[in-house]
């Protein structure tokens, strides 16, 4: 009988701080000469590129 190889699990990746692990970030949309705020738009997080995991150096 062959010996079993012990499986090691990777520790869970840390969450990205700007998007809190969601991969999306909201930004306020401003229009007009006085830059009044009309709402928010969601977009891809540029820190983790949408993965939600903390990037490694």
PDB file of N, CA and C in Angstrom:
ATOM      1  N   UNK A   1       0.839  -1.165   0.000  1.00  0.00           N
ATOM      2  CA  UNK A   1       0.000   0.000   0.000  1.00  0.00           C
ATOM      3  C   UNK A   1       0.895   1.242   0.000  1.00  0.00           C
ATOM      4  N   UNK A   2       0.618   2.166  -0.935  1.00  0.00           N
ATOM      5  CA  UNK A   2       1.414   3.389  -1.074  1.00  0.00           C
ATOM      6  C   UNK A   2       1.010   4.412  -0.021  1.00  0.00           C
ATOM      7  N   UNK A   3       1.985   5.197   0.397  1.00  0.00           N
ATOM      8  CA  UNK A   3       1.711   6.237   1.392  1.00  0.00           C
ATOM      9  C   UNK A   3       0.954   7.384   0.732  1.00  0.00           C
ATOM     10  N   UNK A   4       0.031   7.960   1.452  1.00  0.00           N
ATOM     11  CA  UNK A   4      -0.750   9.076   0.930  1.00  0.00           C
ATOM     12  C   UNK A   4       0.035  10.369   1.047  1.00  0.00           C
ATOM     13  N   UNK A   5      -0.082  11.167   0.029  1.00  0.00           N
ATOM     14  CA  UNK A   5       0.574  12.461   0.045  1.00  0.00           C
ATOM     15  C   UNK A   5      -0.331  13.458   0.780  1.00  0.00           C
ATOM     16  N   UNK A   6       0.243  14.148   1.733  1.00  0.00           N
ATOM     17  CA  UNK A   6      -0.537  15.123   2.485  1.00  0.00           C
ATOM     18  C   UNK A   6      -0.827  16.329   1.602  1.00  0.00           C
ATOM     19  N   UNK A   7      -2.073  16.717   1.543  1.00  0.00           N
ATOM     20  CA  UNK A   7      -2.462  17.867   0.732  1.00  0.00           C
ATOM     21  C   UNK A   7      -2.356  19.132   1.574  1.00  0.00           C
ATOM     22  N   UNK A   8      -1.724  20.099   0.992  1.00  0.00           N
ATOM     23  CA  UNK A   8      -1.632  21.383   1.672  1.00  0.00           C
ATOM     24  C   UNK A   8      -2.497  22.376   0.924  1.00  0.00           C
ATOM     25  N   UNK A   9      -3.251  23.150   1.653  1.00  0.00           N
ATOM     26  CA  UNK A   9      -4.120  24.152   1.040  1.00  0.00           C
ATOM     27  C   UNK A   9      -3.454  25.504   1.097  1.00  0.00           C
ATOM     28  N   UNK A  10      -3.696  26.272   0.045  1.00  0.00           N
ATOM     29  CA  UNK A  10      -3.179  27.628   0.018  1.00  0.00           C
ATOM     30  C   UNK A  10      -4.013  28.476   0.972  1.00  0.00           C
ATOM     31  N   UNK A  11      -3.363  29.403   1.665  1.00  0.00           N
ATOM     32  CA  UNK A  11      -4.150  30.296   2.511  1.00  0.00           C
ATOM     33  C   UNK A  11      -5.026  31.188   1.634  1.00  0.00           C
ATOM     34  N   UNK A  12      -6.197  31.577   2.115  1.00  0.00           N
ATOM     35  CA  UNK A  12      -7.066  32.421   1.282  1.00  0.00           C
ATOM     36  C   UNK A  12      -6.403  33.761   0.987  1.00  0.00           C
ATOM     37  N   UNK A  13      -6.594  34.235  -0.225  1.00  0.00           N
ATOM     38  CA  UNK A  13      -5.999  35.502  -0.639  1.00  0.00           C
ATOM     39  C   UNK A  13      -6.658  36.655   0.111  1.00  0.00           C
ATOM     40  N   UNK A  14      -5.873  37.667   0.412  1.00  0.00           N
ATOM     41  CA  UNK A  14      -6.398  38.839   1.103  1.00  0.00           C
ATOM     42  C   UNK A  14      -7.266  39.650   0.148  1.00  0.00           C
ATOM     43  N   UNK A  15      -8.300  40.287   0.683  1.00  0.00           N
ATOM     44  CA  UNK A  15      -9.194  41.087  -0.139  1.00  0.00           C
ATOM     45  C   UNK A  15      -8.548  42.409  -0.503  1.00  0.00           C
ATOM     46  N   UNK A  16      -8.908  42.890  -1.673  1.00  0.00           N
ATOM     47  CA  UNK A  16      -8.436  44.187  -2.149  1.00  0.00           C
ATOM     48  C   UNK A  16      -9.104  45.275  -1.299  1.00  0.00           C
ATOM     49  N   UNK A  17      -8.326  46.262  -0.849  1.00  0.00           N
ATOM     50  CA  UNK A  17      -8.869  47.288   0.037  1.00  0.00           C
ATOM     51  C   UNK A  17      -9.796  48.292  -0.653  1.00  0.00           C
ATOM     52  N   UNK A  18      -9.466  48.831  -1.835  1.00  0.00           N
ATOM     53  CA  UNK A  18     -10.373  49.822  -2.438  1.00  0.00           C
ATOM     54  C   UNK A  18     -11.754  49.268  -2.786  1.00  0.00           C
ATOM     55  N   UNK A  19     -11.824  48.034  -3.274  1.00  0.00           N
ATOM     56  CA  UNK A  19     -13.125  47.490  -3.684  1.00  0.00           C
ATOM     57  C   UNK A  19     -13.709  46.522  -2.661  1.00  0.00           C
ATOM     58  N   UNK A  20     -12.993  46.235  -1.601  1.00  0.00           N
ATOM     59  CA  UNK A  20     -13.424  45.332  -0.534  1.00  0.00           C
ATOM     60  C   UNK A  20     -13.766  43.938  -1.056  1.00  0.00           C
ATOM     61  N   UNK A  21     -13.028  43.490  -2.067  1.00  0.00           N
ATOM     62  CA  UNK A  21     -13.183  42.137  -2.582  1.00  0.00           C
ATOM     63  C   UNK A  21     -14.261  41.953  -3.626  1.00  0.00           C
ATOM     64  N   UNK A  22     -14.941  43.016  -4.044  1.00  0.00           N
ATOM     65  CA  UNK A  22     -16.006  42.867  -5.033  1.00  0.00           C
ATOM     66  C   UNK A  22     -15.506  42.984  -6.465  1.00  0.00           C
ATOM     67  N   UNK A  23     -14.410  43.718  -6.675  1.00  0.00           N
ATOM     68  CA  UNK A  23     -13.886  43.907  -8.017  1.00  0.00           C
ATOM     69  C   UNK A  23     -14.455  45.117  -8.717  1.00  0.00           C
ATOM     70  N   UNK A  24     -15.409  45.832  -8.077  1.00  0.00           N
ATOM     71  CA  UNK A  24     -16.018  47.019  -8.660  1.00  0.00           C
ATOM     72  C   UNK A  24     -15.890  48.196  -7.705  1.00  0.00           C
ATOM     73  N   UNK A  25     -15.751  49.387  -8.280  1.00  0.00           N
ATOM     74  CA  UNK A  25     -15.623  50.610  -7.500  1.00  0.00           C
ATOM     75  C   UNK A  25     -16.624  51.620  -8.035  1.00  0.00           C
ATOM     76  N   UNK A  26     -17.287  52.374  -7.148  1.00  0.00           N
ATOM     77  CA  UNK A  26     -18.245  53.402  -7.555  1.00  0.00           C
ATOM     78  C   UNK A  26     -17.578  54.764  -7.604  1.00  0.00           C
ATOM     79  N   UNK A  27     -17.994  55.558  -8.580  1.00  0.00           N
ATOM     80  CA  UNK A  27     -17.500  56.928  -8.716  1.00  0.00           C
ATOM     81  C   UNK A  27     -18.690  57.850  -8.916  1.00  0.00           C
ATOM     82  N   UNK A  28     -18.604  59.049  -8.380  1.00  0.00           N
ATOM     83  CA  UNK A  28     -19.662  60.041  -8.534  1.00  0.00           C
ATOM     84  C   UNK A  28     -19.580  60.661  -9.924  1.00  0.00           C
ATOM     85  N   UNK A  29     -20.740  60.818 -10.565  1.00  0.00           N
ATOM     86  CA  UNK A  29     -20.806  61.433 -11.890  1.00  0.00           C
ATOM     87  C   UNK A  29     -21.229  62.877 -11.712  1.00  0.00           C
ATOM     88  N   UNK A  30     -20.466  63.810 -12.303  1.00  0.00           N
ATOM     89  CA  UNK A  30     -20.765  65.233 -12.215  1.00  0.00           C
ATOM     90  C   UNK A  30     -20.992  65.784 -13.611  1.00  0.00           C
ATOM     91  N   UNK A  31     -22.001  66.660 -13.739  1.00  0.00           N
ATOM     92  CA  UNK A  31     -22.314  67.253 -15.039  1.00  0.00           C
ATOM     93  C   UNK A  31     -22.500  68.757 -14.900  1.00  0.00           C
ATOM     94  N   UNK A  32     -22.401  69.457 -16.016  1.00  0.00           N
ATOM     95  CA  UNK A  32     -22.673  70.892 -16.059  1.00  0.00           C
ATOM     96  C   UNK A  32     -21.485  71.737 -15.660  1.00  0.00           C
ATOM     97  N   UNK A  33     -21.662  73.047 -15.817  1.00  0.00           N
ATOM     98  CA  UNK A  33     -20.587  73.978 -15.484  1.00  0.00           C
ATOM     99  C   UNK A  33     -20.314  74.030 -13.994  1.00  0.00           C
ATOM    100  N   UNK A  34     -21.353  73.820 -13.190  1.00  0.00           N
ATOM    101  CA  UNK A  34     -21.182  73.886 -11.734  1.00  0.00           C
ATOM    102  C   UNK A  34     -20.844  72.524 -11.127  1.00  0.00           C
ATOM    103  N   UNK A  35     -20.685  71.521 -11.984  1.00  0.00           N
ATOM    104  CA  UNK A  35     -20.323  70.154 -11.574  1.00  0.00           C
ATOM    105  C   UNK A  35     -21.284  69.587 -10.524  1.00  0.00           C
ATOM    106  N   UNK A  36     -22.563  69.660 -10.830  1.00  0.00           N
ATOM    107  CA  UNK A  36     -23.529  69.085  -9.892  1.00  0.00           C
ATOM    108  C   UNK A  36     -23.491  67.564  -9.997  1.00  0.00           C
ATOM    109  N   UNK A  37     -23.708  66.925  -8.870  1.00  0.00           N
ATOM    110  CA  UNK A  37     -23.663  65.464  -8.817  1.00  0.00           C
ATOM    111  C   UNK A  37     -25.013  64.905  -9.238  1.00  0.00           C
ATOM    112  N   UNK A  38     -25.017  63.930 -10.154  1.00  0.00           N
ATOM    113  CA  UNK A  38     -26.269  63.355 -10.643  1.00  0.00           C
ATOM    114  C   UNK A  38     -26.398  61.872 -10.301  1.00  0.00           C
ATOM    115  N   UNK A  39     -25.358  61.222  -9.853  1.00  0.00           N
ATOM    116  CA  UNK A  39     -25.466  59.805  -9.525  1.00  0.00           C
ATOM    117  C   UNK A  39     -24.102  59.159  -9.409  1.00  0.00           C
ATOM    118  N   UNK A  40     -24.112  57.836  -9.472  1.00  0.00           N
ATOM    119  CA  UNK A  40     -22.870  57.077  -9.382  1.00  0.00           C
ATOM    120  C   UNK A  40     -22.776  56.087 -10.524  1.00  0.00           C
ATOM    121  N   UNK A  41     -21.557  55.742 -10.856  1.00  0.00           N
ATOM    122  CA  UNK A  41     -21.270  54.772 -11.897  1.00  0.00           C
ATOM    123  C   UNK A  41     -20.318  53.737 -11.319  1.00  0.00           C
ATOM    124  N   UNK A  42     -20.526  52.472 -11.622  1.00  0.00           N
ATOM    125  CA  UNK A  42     -19.600  51.442 -11.160  1.00  0.00           C
ATOM    126  C   UNK A  42     -18.669  51.067 -12.291  1.00  0.00           C
ATOM    127  N   UNK A  43     -17.461  50.705 -11.912  1.00  0.00           N
ATOM    128  CA  UNK A  43     -16.471  50.320 -12.909  1.00  0.00           C
ATOM    129  C   UNK A  43     -15.498  49.328 -12.317  1.00  0.00           C
ATOM    130  N   UNK A  44     -14.612  48.843 -13.134  1.00  0.00           N
ATOM    131  CA  UNK A  44     -13.606  47.860 -12.755  1.00  0.00           C
ATOM    132  C   UNK A  44     -12.596  48.481 -11.790  1.00  0.00           C
ATOM    133  N   UNK A  45     -12.246  47.750 -10.749  1.00  0.00           N
ATOM    134  CA  UNK A  45     -11.241  48.220  -9.794  1.00  0.00           C
ATOM    135  C   UNK A  45      -9.871  48.155 -10.466  1.00  0.00           C
ATOM    136  N   UNK A  46      -9.158  49.291 -10.485  1.00  0.00           N
ATOM    137  CA  UNK A  46      -7.862  49.335 -11.152  1.00  0.00           C
ATOM    138  C   UNK A  46      -6.730  48.811 -10.278  1.00  0.00           C
ATOM    139  N   UNK A  47      -7.005  48.575  -9.009  1.00  0.00           N
ATOM    140  CA  UNK A  47      -5.977  48.032  -8.124  1.00  0.00           C
ATOM    141  C   UNK A  47      -5.826  46.518  -8.337  1.00  0.00           C
ATOM    142  N   UNK A  48      -6.944  45.807  -8.438  1.00  0.00           N
ATOM    143  CA  UNK A  48      -6.892  44.345  -8.576  1.00  0.00           C
ATOM    144  C   UNK A  48      -7.395  43.868  -9.948  1.00  0.00           C
ATOM    145  N   UNK A  49      -7.806  44.789 -10.820  1.00  0.00           N
ATOM    146  CA  UNK A  49      -8.334  44.478 -12.145  1.00  0.00           C
ATOM    147  C   UNK A  49      -9.531  43.523 -12.105  1.00  0.00           C
ATOM    148  N   UNK A  50     -10.385  43.695 -11.091  1.00  0.00           N
ATOM    149  CA  UNK A  50     -11.643  42.953 -11.024  1.00  0.00           C
ATOM    150  C   UNK A  50     -11.577  41.595 -10.366  1.00  0.00           C
ATOM    151  N   UNK A  51     -10.422  41.166  -9.874  1.00  0.00           N
ATOM    152  CA  UNK A  51     -10.339  39.847  -9.256  1.00  0.00           C
ATOM    153  C   UNK A  51     -10.816  39.868  -7.812  1.00  0.00           C
ATOM    154  N   UNK A  52     -10.673  40.999  -7.129  1.00  0.00           N
ATOM    155  CA  UNK A  52     -11.084  41.102  -5.733  1.00  0.00           C
ATOM    156  C   UNK A  52     -10.014  40.667  -4.749  1.00  0.00           C
ATOM    157  N   UNK A  53      -8.878  40.223  -5.254  1.00  0.00           N
ATOM    158  CA  UNK A  53      -7.789  39.765  -4.391  1.00  0.00           C
ATOM    159  C   UNK A  53      -6.686  40.803  -4.341  1.00  0.00           C
ATOM    160  N   UNK A  54      -6.020  40.903  -3.212  1.00  0.00           N
ATOM    161  CA  UNK A  54      -4.932  41.855  -3.027  1.00  0.00           C
ATOM    162  C   UNK A  54      -3.790  41.505  -3.976  1.00  0.00           C
ATOM    163  N   UNK A  55      -3.344  42.458  -4.806  1.00  0.00           N
ATOM    164  CA  UNK A  55      -2.243  42.163  -5.729  1.00  0.00           C
ATOM    165  C   UNK A  55      -0.932  41.955  -4.985  1.00  0.00           C
ATOM    166  N   UNK A  56      -0.110  41.069  -5.494  1.00  0.00           N
ATOM    167  CA  UNK A  56       1.197  40.816  -4.880  1.00  0.00           C
ATOM    168  C   UNK A  56       2.249  41.689  -5.549  1.00  0.00           C
ATOM    169  N   UNK A  57       3.252  42.032  -4.797  1.00  0.00           N
ATOM    170  CA  UNK A  57       4.288  42.931  -5.326  1.00  0.00           C
ATOM    171  C   UNK A  57       5.273  42.216  -6.201  1.00  0.00           C
TER     172      UNK A  57
END
